[in-house]
Amino acid sequence: MVMQWTHSIEQSVEALELIDHAEDLKRDGLTIVPPGKTGFSIEDVEVARAALLDAAEARTGYRFNIDETPNETIRVKASATAGERRAMTSESDRLGAQGYLVMVYMLAAHPIFRDLITNPIVNTLHRYMLGDDFRLTTSNGFVKWAHPEGSWGKYYGLHCDSPLVEPATAKFAANCNWFLTDCEADDGPLCYLPGTHLTGQHPHGNVSPELLAQVRPVEAEAGSLVIFDSTMWHGSWPRTRDGLRLTAHTQRRVPLLAPLSDFSVISDELIESSNDPDVMRMLCWR
């Protein structure tokens, strides 16, 4: 059954003063919502940041320091339980050796991630992109550091998250990133090519030198919400300074696409204790 929202998409966009952000999404494919508008305070950022680092230590056995670059290869710890191993993506064991680590099921790691998922700004902008019916497909934590083998190459790893079909215009998914650290260009932030969600193409084989010169790093302060269209070309800017970049990431998809994570493992108690149980039930495939 499709979620019955109290207000129309247009009414919600206007009531939450998101018209400019909706225009950003329409024109560029990406928008940055500042912390003051989402209600995600610096205290909340600190809680989420600590929870993400604690989860990273629990799953790898390595204690990360936000101001330091890891000095060893990061892998799932040998003594990890089956549950801890399931809480890492299937490729994290490899990716951790290349300058970043992706951890799934952060929704269950700490209540702060549950609250970010029910934030009305997030869900209103996702409705604007996907319509009234969508589900969670990921709930990840992302840890990135400078690493000589972690470069995404001269094309920044540009890709779409939509199925590999042409034209790439169907709205299947939308991405949400909560920045847990300040991000300037040398912090190795998300990067994107504005307007490519309108081209109907995937970047593979289509990135000319002229287009490559237009790729932008997403620079924003900690606590910012970055939402973008999955058909927009995006990747990762190289990190050149010490320390870590931390991000809480979710993706939502239309229901005809299966989730990348199994949200049946999320407890009913966690869902019912959220700020908006109706939205959480929808997002968790109940």
Protein backbone atom coordinates (compact mmCIF):
# COMPACT_ATOMS: atom_id res chain seq x y z
CA MET A 1 0.00 0.00 0.00
CA VAL A 2 1.29 3.46 -0.89
CA MET A 3 2.04 5.72 2.08
CA GLN A 4 -0.77 8.18 2.76
CA TRP A 5 0.98 11.51 3.34
CA THR A 6 -0.85 14.28 5.17
CA HIS A 7 0.15 16.95 2.63
CA SER A 8 0.92 16.95 -1.06
CA ILE A 9 4.52 17.14 -2.21
CA GLU A 10 4.00 20.74 -3.31
CA GLN A 11 2.48 21.71 0.04
CA SER A 12 5.30 20.05 1.99
CA VAL A 13 8.03 21.68 -0.14
CA GLU A 14 6.48 25.09 0.45
CA ALA A 15 5.77 24.58 4.16
CA LEU A 16 9.35 23.50 4.86
CA GLU A 17 10.79 26.32 2.72
CA LEU A 18 12.45 23.90 0.30
CA ILE A 19 11.51 25.56 -2.98
CA ASP A 20 15.09 26.65 -3.71
CA HIS A 21 16.35 23.16 -2.95
CA ALA A 22 13.72 21.62 -5.22
CA GLU A 23 14.91 23.97 -7.98
CA ASP A 24 18.52 22.88 -7.34
CA LEU A 25 17.48 19.26 -7.77
CA LYS A 26 15.59 20.01 -10.95
CA ARG A 27 18.42 22.02 -12.51
CA ASP A 28 21.64 20.48 -11.13
CA GLY A 29 20.54 17.13 -9.73
CA LEU A 30 21.96 17.93 -6.26
CA THR A 31 21.23 20.25 -3.37
CA ILE A 32 22.91 21.10 -0.06
CA VAL A 33 20.62 21.78 2.91
CA PRO A 34 22.43 23.60 5.75
CA PRO A 35 22.23 22.33 9.34
CA GLY A 36 20.09 25.25 10.48
CA LYS A 37 17.26 24.17 8.22
CA THR A 38 17.27 20.44 9.03
CA GLY A 39 17.53 20.74 12.81
CA PHE A 40 20.65 18.53 12.82
CA SER A 41 22.66 20.34 15.49
CA ILE A 42 26.39 20.27 16.11
CA GLU A 43 25.64 18.20 19.22
CA ASP A 44 23.83 15.68 17.00
CA VAL A 45 26.80 15.67 14.62
CA GLU A 46 29.14 14.84 17.48
CA VAL A 47 26.90 11.99 18.64
CA ALA A 48 26.67 10.53 15.12
CA ARG A 49 30.40 10.96 14.56
CA ALA A 50 31.26 9.11 17.79
CA ALA A 51 28.75 6.35 17.03
CA LEU A 52 30.20 5.84 13.56
CA LEU A 53 33.77 5.62 14.88
CA ASP A 54 32.67 3.22 17.63
CA ALA A 55 30.97 1.01 15.03
CA ALA A 56 34.07 1.10 12.84
CA GLU A 57 36.21 -0.04 15.76
CA ALA A 58 33.77 -2.79 16.72
CA ARG A 59 33.76 -4.17 13.20
CA THR A 60 37.47 -3.86 12.39
CA GLY A 61 39.29 -3.90 15.73
CA TYR A 62 41.04 -0.65 14.74
CA ARG A 63 40.54 2.53 16.77
CA PHE A 64 40.11 5.40 14.32
CA ASN A 65 41.15 8.93 15.27
CA ILE A 66 39.34 11.64 13.36
CA ASP A 67 42.53 13.72 13.04
CA GLU A 68 44.81 10.90 11.93
CA THR A 69 45.24 8.81 8.79
CA PRO A 70 45.22 5.05 9.52
CA ASN A 71 48.76 3.67 9.36
CA GLU A 72 47.79 0.09 8.58
CA THR A 73 45.48 -1.89 6.33
CA ILE A 74 41.95 -1.88 7.73
CA ARG A 75 40.03 -5.15 7.48
CA VAL A 76 37.16 -6.91 9.21
CA LYS A 77 38.68 -8.22 12.42
CA ALA A 78 39.54 -11.92 12.48
CA SER A 79 37.49 -12.43 15.65
CA ALA A 80 34.40 -10.73 14.24
CA THR A 81 31.12 -12.49 14.90
CA ALA A 82 28.86 -13.52 12.04
CA GLY A 83 26.65 -10.54 12.86
CA GLU A 84 29.58 -8.14 12.72
CA ARG A 85 30.66 -9.56 9.38
CA ARG A 86 27.15 -9.14 8.00
CA ALA A 87 27.35 -5.52 9.14
CA MET A 88 30.14 -4.87 6.66
CA THR A 89 29.50 -4.68 2.94
CA SER A 90 30.75 -7.66 0.95
CA GLU A 91 33.53 -5.58 -0.56
CA SER A 92 34.60 -3.63 2.53
CA ASP A 93 37.40 -6.06 3.29
CA ARG A 94 38.99 -5.00 0.01
CA LEU A 95 37.99 -1.34 0.06
CA GLY A 96 39.35 -0.78 3.54
CA ALA A 97 42.81 -1.34 2.11
CA GLN A 98 42.23 1.41 -0.45
CA GLY A 99 41.45 4.39 1.69
CA TYR A 100 37.83 4.03 2.69
CA LEU A 101 35.43 1.80 4.59
CA VAL A 102 31.70 1.29 4.08
CA MET A 103 29.55 -0.12 6.89
CA VAL A 104 25.94 -1.19 6.46
CA TYR A 105 23.04 -1.29 8.94
CA MET A 106 24.05 1.90 10.71
CA LEU A 107 20.31 2.38 11.25
CA ALA A 108 20.56 -0.19 14.05
CA ALA A 109 23.88 1.07 15.44
CA HIS A 110 22.56 4.13 17.28
CA PRO A 111 19.20 5.99 17.54
CA ILE A 112 20.73 9.08 15.91
CA PHE A 113 20.81 7.30 12.54
CA ARG A 114 17.17 6.30 12.93
CA ASP A 115 16.26 9.93 13.59
CA LEU A 116 18.15 11.11 10.51
CA ILE A 117 16.15 8.70 8.38
CA THR A 118 12.80 10.11 9.57
CA ASN A 119 13.87 13.75 9.20
CA PRO A 120 10.99 15.49 7.34
CA ILE A 121 13.38 17.48 5.13
CA VAL A 122 14.89 14.25 3.81
CA ASN A 123 11.59 12.58 3.10
CA THR A 124 10.03 15.65 1.52
CA LEU A 125 12.91 16.03 -0.93
CA HIS A 126 12.87 12.31 -1.66
CA ARG A 127 9.15 12.56 -2.38
CA TYR A 128 9.94 15.42 -4.72
CA MET A 129 12.36 13.18 -6.66
CA LEU A 130 10.71 9.75 -6.43
CA GLY A 131 7.02 10.33 -5.72
CA ASP A 132 5.08 9.17 -2.68
CA ASP A 133 6.23 5.54 -2.59
CA PHE A 134 9.85 4.60 -1.86
CA ARG A 135 11.90 2.33 0.40
CA LEU A 136 15.33 2.27 2.02
CA THR A 137 17.94 0.31 0.13
CA THR A 138 20.99 1.26 2.25
CA SER A 139 21.80 2.71 5.66
CA ASN A 140 25.56 3.10 5.61
CA GLY A 141 28.43 4.76 7.41
CA PHE A 142 31.35 5.97 5.29
CA VAL A 143 34.91 6.53 6.55
CA LYS A 144 37.51 7.93 4.14
CA TRP A 145 41.17 8.80 4.50
CA ALA A 146 44.08 9.78 2.24
CA HIS A 147 45.68 6.74 0.65
CA PRO A 148 47.99 6.44 -2.38
CA GLU A 149 46.12 3.35 -3.59
CA GLY A 150 42.72 4.83 -2.85
CA SER A 151 42.54 7.15 -5.83
CA TRP A 152 39.44 6.80 -7.97
CA GLY A 153 41.49 7.82 -11.01
CA LYS A 154 41.36 10.86 -13.23
CA TYR A 155 37.61 10.38 -13.78
CA TYR A 156 36.89 10.47 -10.00
CA GLY A 157 35.02 7.18 -10.29
CA LEU A 158 32.07 8.98 -11.93
CA HIS A 159 29.00 6.74 -12.08
CA CYS A 160 25.21 6.65 -11.82
CA ASP A 161 23.30 4.62 -9.25
CA SER A 162 20.47 3.90 -11.68
CA PRO A 163 20.29 0.60 -13.59
CA LEU A 164 22.63 0.37 -16.57
CA VAL A 165 20.01 1.10 -19.19
CA GLU A 166 19.74 3.86 -21.75
CA PRO A 167 18.35 6.41 -21.56
CA ALA A 168 19.30 6.87 -17.90
CA THR A 169 16.36 9.15 -17.13
CA ALA A 170 13.97 6.96 -15.12
CA LYS A 171 13.82 8.02 -11.46
CA PHE A 172 14.62 4.81 -9.62
CA ALA A 173 16.66 6.06 -6.67
CA ALA A 174 17.86 9.10 -4.73
CA ASN A 175 20.83 9.46 -2.41
CA CYS A 176 21.13 11.19 0.95
CA ASN A 177 24.41 12.10 2.64
CA TRP A 178 24.71 13.67 6.10
CA PHE A 179 28.18 15.22 6.40
CA LEU A 180 29.62 14.43 9.83
CA THR A 181 32.85 16.37 9.21
CA ASP A 182 33.52 19.67 7.48
CA CYS A 183 34.30 19.09 3.81
CA GLU A 184 36.46 21.28 1.63
CA ALA A 185 38.06 20.08 -1.60
CA ASP A 186 41.17 18.64 0.06
CA ASP A 187 39.02 16.63 2.48
CA GLY A 188 38.11 14.30 -0.40
CA PRO A 189 34.36 14.97 -0.57
CA LEU A 190 31.67 13.67 -2.86
CA CYS A 191 31.93 15.23 -6.31
CA TYR A 192 29.44 15.57 -9.16
CA LEU A 193 28.81 16.88 -12.64
CA PRO A 194 25.82 19.27 -12.48
CA GLY A 195 22.97 18.66 -14.88
CA THR A 196 24.01 15.18 -15.98
CA HIS A 197 20.76 13.74 -14.61
CA LEU A 198 19.15 15.38 -17.65
CA THR A 199 21.41 13.83 -20.28
CA GLY A 200 19.89 10.36 -20.41
CA GLN A 201 23.41 8.89 -20.44
CA HIS A 202 25.73 7.01 -18.15
CA PRO A 203 29.26 8.41 -17.73
CA HIS A 204 31.03 5.30 -18.99
CA GLY A 205 32.74 6.33 -22.22
CA ASN A 206 31.00 9.71 -22.21
CA VAL A 207 33.32 11.82 -20.04
CA SER A 208 35.08 14.26 -22.37
CA PRO A 209 37.92 16.54 -21.17
CA GLU A 210 35.46 19.45 -21.32
CA LEU A 211 32.99 17.65 -19.04
CA LEU A 212 35.73 16.47 -16.71
CA ALA A 213 36.76 20.08 -16.13
CA GLN A 214 33.22 20.82 -14.87
CA VAL A 215 33.21 18.21 -12.10
CA ARG A 216 32.73 19.91 -8.71
CA PRO A 217 33.62 18.82 -5.18
CA VAL A 218 30.73 19.19 -2.72
CA GLU A 219 32.03 21.56 -0.06
CA ALA A 220 29.83 21.92 3.01
CA GLU A 221 30.05 22.15 6.80
CA ALA A 222 29.46 19.28 9.19
CA GLY A 223 25.75 18.71 9.72
CA SER A 224 24.83 19.54 6.14
CA LEU A 225 22.43 17.34 4.22
CA VAL A 226 23.36 16.57 0.62
CA ILE A 227 20.67 14.96 -1.52
CA PHE A 228 21.04 14.08 -5.18
CA ASP A 229 19.39 12.31 -8.07
CA SER A 230 20.81 8.83 -8.64
CA THR A 231 21.01 9.43 -12.40
CA MET A 232 23.42 12.33 -11.87
CA TRP A 233 27.08 11.52 -12.48
CA HIS A 234 28.91 11.50 -9.16
CA GLY A 235 32.11 10.16 -7.63
CA SER A 236 34.80 10.92 -5.06
CA TRP A 237 37.25 13.82 -5.01
CA PRO A 238 40.76 12.78 -3.88
CA ARG A 239 41.65 13.42 -0.25
CA THR A 240 45.03 15.09 0.27
CA ARG A 241 45.09 15.89 4.00
CA ASP A 242 45.46 13.80 7.15
CA GLY A 243 42.46 12.68 9.14
CA LEU A 244 39.08 11.25 8.23
CA ARG A 245 35.96 12.22 6.32
CA LEU A 246 32.82 10.77 7.92
CA THR A 247 29.40 10.51 6.29
CA ALA A 248 26.07 8.87 7.12
CA HIS A 249 24.51 7.71 3.88
CA THR A 250 21.15 6.29 2.84
CA GLN A 251 19.65 5.54 -0.52
CA ARG A 252 15.95 5.21 -1.22
CA ARG A 253 14.48 3.38 -4.22
CA VAL A 254 11.11 2.83 -5.78
CA PRO A 255 9.65 -0.49 -4.52
CA LEU A 256 10.08 -2.36 -7.82
CA LEU A 257 13.84 -2.54 -7.13
CA ALA A 258 15.09 -4.85 -4.38
CA PRO A 259 17.08 -3.26 -1.52
CA LEU A 260 20.85 -3.65 -1.32
CA SER A 261 20.52 -4.49 2.39
CA ASP A 262 17.99 -6.76 4.10
CA PHE A 263 15.84 -4.46 6.23
CA SER A 264 13.84 -7.35 7.63
CA VAL A 265 16.62 -7.56 10.27
CA ILE A 266 15.58 -4.15 11.65
CA SER A 267 13.53 -4.73 14.79
CA ASP A 268 9.92 -3.66 15.18
CA GLU A 269 10.95 -1.98 18.44
CA LEU A 270 13.41 0.27 16.61
CA ILE A 271 10.77 1.19 14.06
CA GLU A 272 8.03 1.92 16.60
CA SER A 273 10.37 4.04 18.76
CA SER A 274 11.15 6.40 15.88
CA ASN A 275 9.87 9.95 15.50
CA ASP A 276 7.59 8.79 12.67
CA PRO A 277 6.74 5.07 12.86
CA ASP A 278 4.52 5.21 9.76
CA VAL A 279 7.39 6.49 7.62
CA MET A 280 9.83 4.04 9.21
CA ARG A 281 7.55 1.09 8.48
CA MET A 282 7.37 2.14 4.83
CA LEU A 283 11.11 2.70 4.56
CA CYS A 284 11.92 -0.67 6.18
CA TRP A 285 9.71 -2.67 3.81
CA ARG A 286 7.00 -3.45 6.35
